[in-house]
Amino acid sequence: MGRRFELRRKPRGADRPSAAQDKHLATCRSGPIIVEMEYRVASDRARSFYASMLKVRSARSRNGAFAWSLARDISAPELWVERFTCPI
């Protein structure tokens, strides 16, 4: 079973980048970005995971993502990689 993480709220302004970090931020002129996420899924849950990810694909598309793909690693069957491109 996968790990669960607790999301905590940060104080207002805590996530603002410093001046040094500011130069590395993406802007509208930066173009689209590619997002890649890895999932570890037990073999006996692979079919239900795949079905769930098709729903995730729809949600990503509604939010502007394109070029979505889901691949299973041949050398490590429990590893799945989701990849999509989204505009900034």
PDB file of N, CA and C in Angstrom:
ATOM      1  N   MET A   1       0.830  -1.171   0.000  1.00  0.00           N
ATOM      2  CA  MET A   1       0.000   0.000   0.000  1.00  0.00           C
ATOM      3  C   MET A   1       0.875   1.235   0.000  1.00  0.00           C
ATOM      4  N   GLY A   2       0.458   2.245  -0.712  1.00  0.00           N
ATOM      5  CA  GLY A   2       1.230   3.476  -0.813  1.00  0.00           C
ATOM      6  C   GLY A   2       1.244   4.276   0.471  1.00  0.00           C
ATOM      7  N   ARG A   3       2.124   5.226   0.538  1.00  0.00           N
ATOM      8  CA  ARG A   3       2.223   6.098   1.704  1.00  0.00           C
ATOM      9  C   ARG A   3       1.211   7.221   1.600  1.00  0.00           C
ATOM     10  N   ARG A   4       0.750   7.673   2.734  1.00  0.00           N
ATOM     11  CA  ARG A   4      -0.145   8.813   2.800  1.00  0.00           C
ATOM     12  C   ARG A   4       0.630   9.967   3.422  1.00  0.00           C
ATOM     13  N   PHE A   5       0.460  11.121   2.845  1.00  0.00           N
ATOM     14  CA  PHE A   5       1.144  12.295   3.340  1.00  0.00           C
ATOM     15  C   PHE A   5       0.131  13.330   3.787  1.00  0.00           C
ATOM     16  N   GLU A   6       0.421  13.960   4.895  1.00  0.00           N
ATOM     17  CA  GLU A   6      -0.445  15.011   5.410  1.00  0.00           C
ATOM     18  C   GLU A   6      -0.029  16.338   4.776  1.00  0.00           C
ATOM     19  N   LEU A   7      -0.998  17.054   4.259  1.00  0.00           N
ATOM     20  CA  LEU A   7      -0.725  18.364   3.691  1.00  0.00           C
ATOM     21  C   LEU A   7      -0.950  19.414   4.764  1.00  0.00           C
ATOM     22  N   ARG A   8       0.037  20.253   4.951  1.00  0.00           N
ATOM     23  CA  ARG A   8      -0.068  21.300   5.967  1.00  0.00           C
ATOM     24  C   ARG A   8      -0.084  22.659   5.294  1.00  0.00           C
ATOM     25  N   ARG A   9      -0.875  23.534   5.831  1.00  0.00           N
ATOM     26  CA  ARG A   9      -0.929  24.891   5.308  1.00  0.00           C
ATOM     27  C   ARG A   9       0.276  25.678   5.801  1.00  0.00           C
ATOM     28  N   LYS A  10       0.804  26.508   4.915  1.00  0.00           N
ATOM     29  CA  LYS A  10       1.919  27.376   5.279  1.00  0.00           C
ATOM     30  C   LYS A  10       1.377  28.747   5.666  1.00  0.00           C
ATOM     31  N   PRO A  11       2.115  29.465   6.494  1.00  0.00           N
ATOM     32  CA  PRO A  11       1.691  30.826   6.801  1.00  0.00           C
ATOM     33  C   PRO A  11       1.668  31.675   5.531  1.00  0.00           C
ATOM     34  N   ARG A  12       0.803  32.662   5.500  1.00  0.00           N
ATOM     35  CA  ARG A  12       0.683  33.531   4.332  1.00  0.00           C
ATOM     36  C   ARG A  12       2.047  34.129   3.979  1.00  0.00           C
ATOM     37  N   GLY A  13       2.422  34.019   2.705  1.00  0.00           N
ATOM     38  CA  GLY A  13       3.684  34.576   2.226  1.00  0.00           C
ATOM     39  C   GLY A  13       4.882  33.653   2.384  1.00  0.00           C
ATOM     40  N   ALA A  14       4.706  32.512   3.060  1.00  0.00           N
ATOM     41  CA  ALA A  14       5.834  31.609   3.298  1.00  0.00           C
ATOM     42  C   ALA A  14       6.331  30.945   2.021  1.00  0.00           C
ATOM     43  N   ASP A  15       5.483  30.851   1.017  1.00  0.00           N
ATOM     44  CA  ASP A  15       5.886  30.180  -0.220  1.00  0.00           C
ATOM     45  C   ASP A  15       6.394  31.164  -1.277  1.00  0.00           C
ATOM     46  N   ARG A  16       6.565  32.426  -0.926  1.00  0.00           N
ATOM     47  CA  ARG A  16       7.113  33.390  -1.887  1.00  0.00           C
ATOM     48  C   ARG A  16       8.597  33.136  -2.061  1.00  0.00           C
ATOM     49  N   PRO A  17       9.075  33.145  -3.307  1.00  0.00           N
ATOM     50  CA  PRO A  17      10.501  32.911  -3.535  1.00  0.00           C
ATOM     51  C   PRO A  17      11.329  34.120  -3.117  1.00  0.00           C
ATOM     52  N   SER A  18      12.571  33.852  -2.769  1.00  0.00           N
ATOM     53  CA  SER A  18      13.485  34.938  -2.458  1.00  0.00           C
ATOM     54  C   SER A  18      13.910  35.588  -3.765  1.00  0.00           C
ATOM     55  N   ALA A  19      14.593  36.709  -3.689  1.00  0.00           N
ATOM     56  CA  ALA A  19      15.059  37.403  -4.894  1.00  0.00           C
ATOM     57  C   ALA A  19      16.004  36.517  -5.698  1.00  0.00           C
ATOM     58  N   ALA A  20      16.828  35.727  -5.008  1.00  0.00           N
ATOM     59  CA  ALA A  20      17.775  34.836  -5.701  1.00  0.00           C
ATOM     60  C   ALA A  20      17.038  33.737  -6.466  1.00  0.00           C
ATOM     61  N   GLN A  21      15.940  33.225  -5.899  1.00  0.00           N
ATOM     62  CA  GLN A  21      15.169  32.171  -6.551  1.00  0.00           C
ATOM     63  C   GLN A  21      14.298  32.726  -7.668  1.00  0.00           C
ATOM     64  N   ASP A  22      13.942  33.985  -7.573  1.00  0.00           N
ATOM     65  CA  ASP A  22      13.021  34.619  -8.511  1.00  0.00           C
ATOM     66  C   ASP A  22      13.477  34.511  -9.954  1.00  0.00           C
ATOM     67  N   LYS A  23      14.766  34.538 -10.203  1.00  0.00           N
ATOM     68  CA  LYS A  23      15.271  34.496 -11.581  1.00  0.00           C
ATOM     69  C   LYS A  23      15.050  33.136 -12.244  1.00  0.00           C
ATOM     70  N   HIS A  24      14.736  32.098 -11.459  1.00  0.00           N
ATOM     71  CA  HIS A  24      14.532  30.766 -12.012  1.00  0.00           C
ATOM     72  C   HIS A  24      13.058  30.397 -12.180  1.00  0.00           C
ATOM     73  N   LEU A  25      12.167  31.315 -11.883  1.00  0.00           N
ATOM     74  CA  LEU A  25      10.742  31.037 -12.007  1.00  0.00           C
ATOM     75  C   LEU A  25      10.313  31.014 -13.466  1.00  0.00           C
ATOM     76  N   ALA A  26       9.358  30.166 -13.768  1.00  0.00           N
ATOM     77  CA  ALA A  26       8.795  30.105 -15.113  1.00  0.00           C
ATOM     78  C   ALA A  26       7.833  31.275 -15.302  1.00  0.00           C
ATOM     79  N   THR A  27       7.793  31.785 -16.500  1.00  0.00           N
ATOM     80  CA  THR A  27       6.870  32.870 -16.827  1.00  0.00           C
ATOM     81  C   THR A  27       6.015  32.421 -18.002  1.00  0.00           C
ATOM     82  N   CYS A  28       5.069  33.246 -18.399  1.00  0.00           N
ATOM     83  CA  CYS A  28       4.219  32.917 -19.547  1.00  0.00           C
ATOM     84  C   CYS A  28       5.040  32.741 -20.814  1.00  0.00           C
ATOM     85  N   ARG A  29       6.166  33.378 -20.879  1.00  0.00           N
ATOM     86  CA  ARG A  29       7.040  33.251 -22.057  1.00  0.00           C
ATOM     87  C   ARG A  29       7.887  31.987 -22.019  1.00  0.00           C
ATOM     88  N   SER A  30       7.890  31.295 -20.901  1.00  0.00           N
ATOM     89  CA  SER A  30       8.716  30.091 -20.757  1.00  0.00           C
ATOM     90  C   SER A  30       8.195  28.932 -21.594  1.00  0.00           C
ATOM     91  N   GLY A  31       6.923  28.962 -21.940  1.00  0.00           N
ATOM     92  CA  GLY A  31       6.337  27.875 -22.713  1.00  0.00           C
ATOM     93  C   GLY A  31       5.791  26.788 -21.811  1.00  0.00           C
ATOM     94  N   PRO A  32       5.290  25.717 -22.392  1.00  0.00           N
ATOM     95  CA  PRO A  32       4.704  24.645 -21.584  1.00  0.00           C
ATOM     96  C   PRO A  32       5.772  23.890 -20.786  1.00  0.00           C
ATOM     97  N   ILE A  33       5.334  23.242 -19.716  1.00  0.00           N
ATOM     98  CA  ILE A  33       6.240  22.433 -18.913  1.00  0.00           C
ATOM     99  C   ILE A  33       5.791  20.977 -18.976  1.00  0.00           C
ATOM    100  N   ILE A  34       6.733  20.076 -18.784  1.00  0.00           N
ATOM    101  CA  ILE A  34       6.441  18.642 -18.776  1.00  0.00           C
ATOM    102  C   ILE A  34       6.471  18.168 -17.325  1.00  0.00           C
ATOM    103  N   VAL A  35       5.428  17.471 -16.934  1.00  0.00           N
ATOM    104  CA  VAL A  35       5.316  16.936 -15.572  1.00  0.00           C
ATOM    105  C   VAL A  35       5.416  15.420 -15.666  1.00  0.00           C
ATOM    106  N   GLU A  36       6.243  14.834 -14.826  1.00  0.00           N
ATOM    107  CA  GLU A  36       6.404  13.380 -14.811  1.00  0.00           C
ATOM    108  C   GLU A  36       6.285  12.904 -13.368  1.00  0.00           C
ATOM    109  N   MET A  37       5.388  11.936 -13.160  1.00  0.00           N
ATOM    110  CA  MET A  37       5.167  11.403 -11.816  1.00  0.00           C
ATOM    111  C   MET A  37       5.293   9.892 -11.844  1.00  0.00           C
ATOM    112  N   GLU A  38       5.925   9.339 -10.823  1.00  0.00           N
ATOM    113  CA  GLU A  38       6.091   7.891 -10.715  1.00  0.00           C
ATOM    114  C   GLU A  38       5.177   7.346  -9.630  1.00  0.00           C
ATOM    115  N   TYR A  39       4.620   6.188  -9.899  1.00  0.00           N
ATOM    116  CA  TYR A  39       3.742   5.503  -8.944  1.00  0.00           C
ATOM    117  C   TYR A  39       4.237   4.078  -8.785  1.00  0.00           C
ATOM    118  N   ARG A  40       4.191   3.566  -7.578  1.00  0.00           N
ATOM    119  CA  ARG A  40       4.501   2.162  -7.317  1.00  0.00           C
ATOM    120  C   ARG A  40       3.180   1.465  -6.996  1.00  0.00           C
ATOM    121  N   VAL A  41       2.849   0.466  -7.790  1.00  0.00           N
ATOM    122  CA  VAL A  41       1.555  -0.204  -7.673  1.00  0.00           C
ATOM    123  C   VAL A  41       1.775  -1.713  -7.640  1.00  0.00           C
ATOM    124  N   ALA A  42       1.188  -2.363  -6.653  1.00  0.00           N
ATOM    125  CA  ALA A  42       1.286  -3.825  -6.562  1.00  0.00           C
ATOM    126  C   ALA A  42       0.624  -4.456  -7.784  1.00  0.00           C
ATOM    127  N   SER A  43       1.162  -5.555  -8.254  1.00  0.00           N
ATOM    128  CA  SER A  43       0.666  -6.219  -9.465  1.00  0.00           C
ATOM    129  C   SER A  43      -0.817  -6.563  -9.390  1.00  0.00           C
ATOM    130  N   ASP A  44      -1.282  -6.951  -8.210  1.00  0.00           N
ATOM    131  CA  ASP A  44      -2.690  -7.333  -8.083  1.00  0.00           C
ATOM    132  C   ASP A  44      -3.633  -6.120  -8.133  1.00  0.00           C
ATOM    133  N   ARG A  45      -3.092  -4.916  -8.073  1.00  0.00           N
ATOM    134  CA  ARG A  45      -3.920  -3.710  -8.140  1.00  0.00           C
ATOM    135  C   ARG A  45      -3.727  -2.946  -9.453  1.00  0.00           C
ATOM    136  N   ALA A  46      -2.970  -3.509 -10.377  1.00  0.00           N
ATOM    137  CA  ALA A  46      -2.628  -2.818 -11.620  1.00  0.00           C
ATOM    138  C   ALA A  46      -3.853  -2.460 -12.463  1.00  0.00           C
ATOM    139  N   ARG A  47      -4.798  -3.371 -12.594  1.00  0.00           N
ATOM    140  CA  ARG A  47      -5.990  -3.091 -13.412  1.00  0.00           C
ATOM    141  C   ARG A  47      -6.823  -1.950 -12.838  1.00  0.00           C
ATOM    142  N   SER A  48      -7.045  -1.966 -11.536  1.00  0.00           N
ATOM    143  CA  SER A  48      -7.843  -0.891 -10.928  1.00  0.00           C
ATOM    144  C   SER A  48      -7.077   0.429 -10.957  1.00  0.00           C
ATOM    145  N   PHE A  49      -5.758   0.368 -10.819  1.00  0.00           N
ATOM    146  CA  PHE A  49      -4.940   1.580 -10.922  1.00  0.00           C
ATOM    147  C   PHE A  49      -5.076   2.185 -12.316  1.00  0.00           C
ATOM    148  N   TYR A  50      -4.977   1.348 -13.331  1.00  0.00           N
ATOM    149  CA  TYR A  50      -5.091   1.826 -14.704  1.00  0.00           C
ATOM    150  C   TYR A  50      -6.456   2.471 -14.944  1.00  0.00           C
ATOM    151  N   ALA A  51      -7.503   1.840 -14.456  1.00  0.00           N
ATOM    152  CA  ALA A  51      -8.853   2.396 -14.615  1.00  0.00           C
ATOM    153  C   ALA A  51      -8.967   3.748 -13.919  1.00  0.00           C
ATOM    154  N   SER A  52      -8.383   3.867 -12.746  1.00  0.00           N
ATOM    155  CA  SER A  52      -8.400   5.137 -12.018  1.00  0.00           C
ATOM    156  C   SER A  52      -7.612   6.211 -12.760  1.00  0.00           C
ATOM    157  N   MET A  53      -6.507   5.815 -13.348  1.00  0.00           N
ATOM    158  CA  MET A  53      -5.666   6.788 -14.054  1.00  0.00           C
ATOM    159  C   MET A  53      -6.343   7.320 -15.311  1.00  0.00           C
ATOM    160  N   LEU A  54      -7.239   6.550 -15.905  1.00  0.00           N
ATOM    161  CA  LEU A  54      -7.994   7.067 -17.048  1.00  0.00           C
ATOM    162  C   LEU A  54      -8.895   8.220 -16.611  1.00  0.00           C
ATOM    163  N   LYS A  55      -9.410   8.144 -15.387  1.00  0.00           N
ATOM    164  CA  LYS A  55     -10.200   9.248 -14.835  1.00  0.00           C
ATOM    165  C   LYS A  55      -9.303  10.451 -14.550  1.00  0.00           C
ATOM    166  N   VAL A  56      -8.095  10.175 -14.076  1.00  0.00           N
ATOM    167  CA  VAL A  56      -7.133  11.250 -13.821  1.00  0.00           C
ATOM    168  C   VAL A  56      -6.797  11.955 -15.134  1.00  0.00           C
ATOM    169  N   ARG A  57      -6.670  11.167 -16.198  1.00  0.00           N
ATOM    170  CA  ARG A  57      -6.381  11.750 -17.510  1.00  0.00           C
ATOM    171  C   ARG A  57      -7.448  12.771 -17.905  1.00  0.00           C
ATOM    172  N   SER A  58      -8.695  12.436 -17.691  1.00  0.00           N
ATOM    173  CA  SER A  58      -9.792  13.357 -18.007  1.00  0.00           C
ATOM    174  C   SER A  58      -9.676  14.638 -17.185  1.00  0.00           C
ATOM    175  N   ALA A  59      -9.361  14.488 -15.919  1.00  0.00           N
ATOM    176  CA  ALA A  59      -9.217  15.662 -15.044  1.00  0.00           C
ATOM    177  C   ALA A  59      -8.049  16.533 -15.498  1.00  0.00           C
ATOM    178  N   ARG A  60      -6.950  15.906 -15.859  1.00  0.00           N
ATOM    179  CA  ARG A  60      -5.787  16.670 -16.335  1.00  0.00           C
ATOM    180  C   ARG A  60      -6.145  17.443 -17.607  1.00  0.00           C
ATOM    181  N   SER A  61      -6.862  16.784 -18.511  1.00  0.00           N
ATOM    182  CA  SER A  61      -7.271  17.448 -19.760  1.00  0.00           C
ATOM    183  C   SER A  61      -8.175  18.638 -19.484  1.00  0.00           C
ATOM    184  N   ARG A  62      -9.108  18.491 -18.561  1.00  0.00           N
ATOM    185  CA  ARG A  62      -9.995  19.607 -18.198  1.00  0.00           C
ATOM    186  C   ARG A  62      -9.211  20.792 -17.656  1.00  0.00           C
ATOM    187  N   ASN A  63      -8.085  20.508 -17.028  1.00  0.00           N
ATOM    188  CA  ASN A  63      -7.269  21.566 -16.457  1.00  0.00           C
ATOM    189  C   ASN A  63      -6.213  22.094 -17.421  1.00  0.00           C
ATOM    190  N   GLY A  64      -6.269  21.661 -18.682  1.00  0.00           N
ATOM    191  CA  GLY A  64      -5.388  22.210 -19.707  1.00  0.00           C
ATOM    192  C   GLY A  64      -4.198  21.362 -20.099  1.00  0.00           C
ATOM    193  N   ALA A  65      -4.021  20.216 -19.478  1.00  0.00           N
ATOM    194  CA  ALA A  65      -2.885  19.358 -19.837  1.00  0.00           C
ATOM    195  C   ALA A  65      -3.105  18.702 -21.196  1.00  0.00           C
ATOM    196  N   PHE A  66      -2.019  18.388 -21.856  1.00  0.00           N
ATOM    197  CA  PHE A  66      -2.094  17.674 -23.127  1.00  0.00           C
ATOM    198  C   PHE A  66      -0.903  16.725 -23.230  1.00  0.00           C
ATOM    199  N   ALA A  67      -0.889  15.889 -24.234  1.00  0.00           N
ATOM    200  CA  ALA A  67       0.159  14.884 -24.446  1.00  0.00           C
ATOM    201  C   ALA A  67       0.313  13.984 -23.210  1.00  0.00           C
ATOM    202  N   TRP A  68      -0.816  13.525 -22.660  1.00  0.00           N
ATOM    203  CA  TRP A  68      -0.818  12.679 -21.473  1.00  0.00           C
ATOM    204  C   TRP A  68      -0.436  11.258 -21.847  1.00  0.00           C
ATOM    205  N   SER A  69       0.363  10.621 -21.018  1.00  0.00           N
ATOM    206  CA  SER A  69       0.676   9.205 -21.233  1.00  0.00           C
ATOM    207  C   SER A  69       0.877   8.514 -19.886  1.00  0.00           C
ATOM    208  N   LEU A  70       0.666   7.219 -19.891  1.00  0.00           N
ATOM    209  CA  LEU A  70       0.889   6.378 -18.722  1.00  0.00           C
ATOM    210  C   LEU A  70       1.630   5.147 -19.205  1.00  0.00           C
ATOM    211  N   ALA A  71       2.767   4.880 -18.608  1.00  0.00           N
ATOM    212  CA  ALA A  71       3.588   3.753 -19.052  1.00  0.00           C
ATOM    213  C   ALA A  71       4.003   2.908 -17.855  1.00  0.00           C
ATOM    214  N   ARG A  72       4.148   1.624 -18.116  1.00  0.00           N
ATOM    215  CA  ARG A  72       4.604   0.673 -17.094  1.00  0.00           C
ATOM    216  C   ARG A  72       6.044   0.304 -17.432  1.00  0.00           C
ATOM    217  N   ASP A  73       6.900   0.337 -16.442  1.00  0.00           N
ATOM    218  CA  ASP A  73       8.316   0.022 -16.639  1.00  0.00           C
ATOM    219  C   ASP A  73       8.473  -1.489 -16.828  1.00  0.00           C
ATOM    220  N   ILE A  74       9.068  -1.891 -17.923  1.00  0.00           N
ATOM    221  CA  ILE A  74       9.224  -3.315 -18.224  1.00  0.00           C
ATOM    222  C   ILE A  74      10.153  -4.006 -17.226  1.00  0.00           C
ATOM    223  N   SER A  75      11.209  -3.314 -16.810  1.00  0.00           N
ATOM    224  CA  SER A  75      12.173  -3.924 -15.889  1.00  0.00           C
ATOM    225  C   SER A  75      11.690  -3.924 -14.434  1.00  0.00           C
ATOM    226  N   ALA A  76      10.701  -3.086 -14.122  1.00  0.00           N
ATOM    227  CA  ALA A  76      10.133  -3.030 -12.769  1.00  0.00           C
ATOM    228  C   ALA A  76       8.623  -2.879 -12.904  1.00  0.00           C
ATOM    229  N   PRO A  77       7.887  -3.979 -13.056  1.00  0.00           N
ATOM    230  CA  PRO A  77       6.451  -3.926 -13.354  1.00  0.00           C
ATOM    231  C   PRO A  77       5.594  -3.164 -12.352  1.00  0.00           C
ATOM    232  N   GLU A  78       6.085  -2.977 -11.130  1.00  0.00           N
ATOM    233  CA  GLU A  78       5.303  -2.221 -10.152  1.00  0.00           C
ATOM    234  C   GLU A  78       5.426  -0.702 -10.348  1.00  0.00           C
ATOM    235  N   LEU A  79       6.343  -0.276 -11.211  1.00  0.00           N
ATOM    236  CA  LEU A  79       6.577   1.142 -11.450  1.00  0.00           C
ATOM    237  C   LEU A  79       5.800   1.638 -12.667  1.00  0.00           C
ATOM    238  N   TRP A  80       4.977   2.651 -12.469  1.00  0.00           N
ATOM    239  CA  TRP A  80       4.206   3.289 -13.531  1.00  0.00           C
ATOM    240  C   TRP A  80       4.641   4.744 -13.612  1.00  0.00           C
ATOM    241  N   VAL A  81       4.695   5.283 -14.807  1.00  0.00           N
ATOM    242  CA  VAL A  81       5.106   6.679 -14.993  1.00  0.00           C
ATOM    243  C   VAL A  81       4.006   7.415 -15.755  1.00  0.00           C
ATOM    244  N   GLU A  82       3.487   8.453 -15.122  1.00  0.00           N
ATOM    245  CA  GLU A  82       2.502   9.340 -15.767  1.00  0.00           C
ATOM    246  C   GLU A  82       3.262  10.559 -16.259  1.00  0.00           C
ATOM    247  N   ARG A  83       2.959  10.973 -17.470  1.00  0.00           N
ATOM    248  CA  ARG A  83       3.648  12.131 -18.053  1.00  0.00           C
ATOM    249  C   ARG A  83       2.654  12.957 -18.836  1.00  0.00           C
ATOM    250  N   PHE A  84       2.727  14.267 -18.668  1.00  0.00           N
ATOM    251  CA  PHE A  84       1.851  15.165 -19.430  1.00  0.00           C
ATOM    252  C   PHE A  84       2.494  16.533 -19.546  1.00  0.00           C
ATOM    253  N   THR A  85       1.996  17.297 -20.464  1.00  0.00           N
ATOM    254  CA  THR A  85       2.493  18.649 -20.697  1.00  0.00           C
ATOM    255  C   THR A  85       1.377  19.616 -20.345  1.00  0.00           C
ATOM    256  N   CYS A  86       1.750  20.706 -19.705  1.00  0.00           N
ATOM    257  CA  CYS A  86       0.724  21.702 -19.380  1.00  0.00           C
ATOM    258  C   CYS A  86       1.271  23.107 -19.600  1.00  0.00           C
ATOM    259  N   PRO A  87       0.385  23.995 -20.007  1.00  0.00           N
ATOM    260  CA  PRO A  87       0.805  25.381 -20.201  1.00  0.00           C
ATOM    261  C   PRO A  87       1.036  26.049 -18.849  1.00  0.00           C
ATOM    262  N   ILE A  88       1.780  27.098 -18.865  1.00  0.00           N
ATOM    263  CA  ILE A  88       2.023  27.836 -17.626  1.00  0.00           C
ATOM    264  C   ILE A  88       0.889  28.815 -17.422  1.00  0.00           C
TER     265      ILE A  88
END
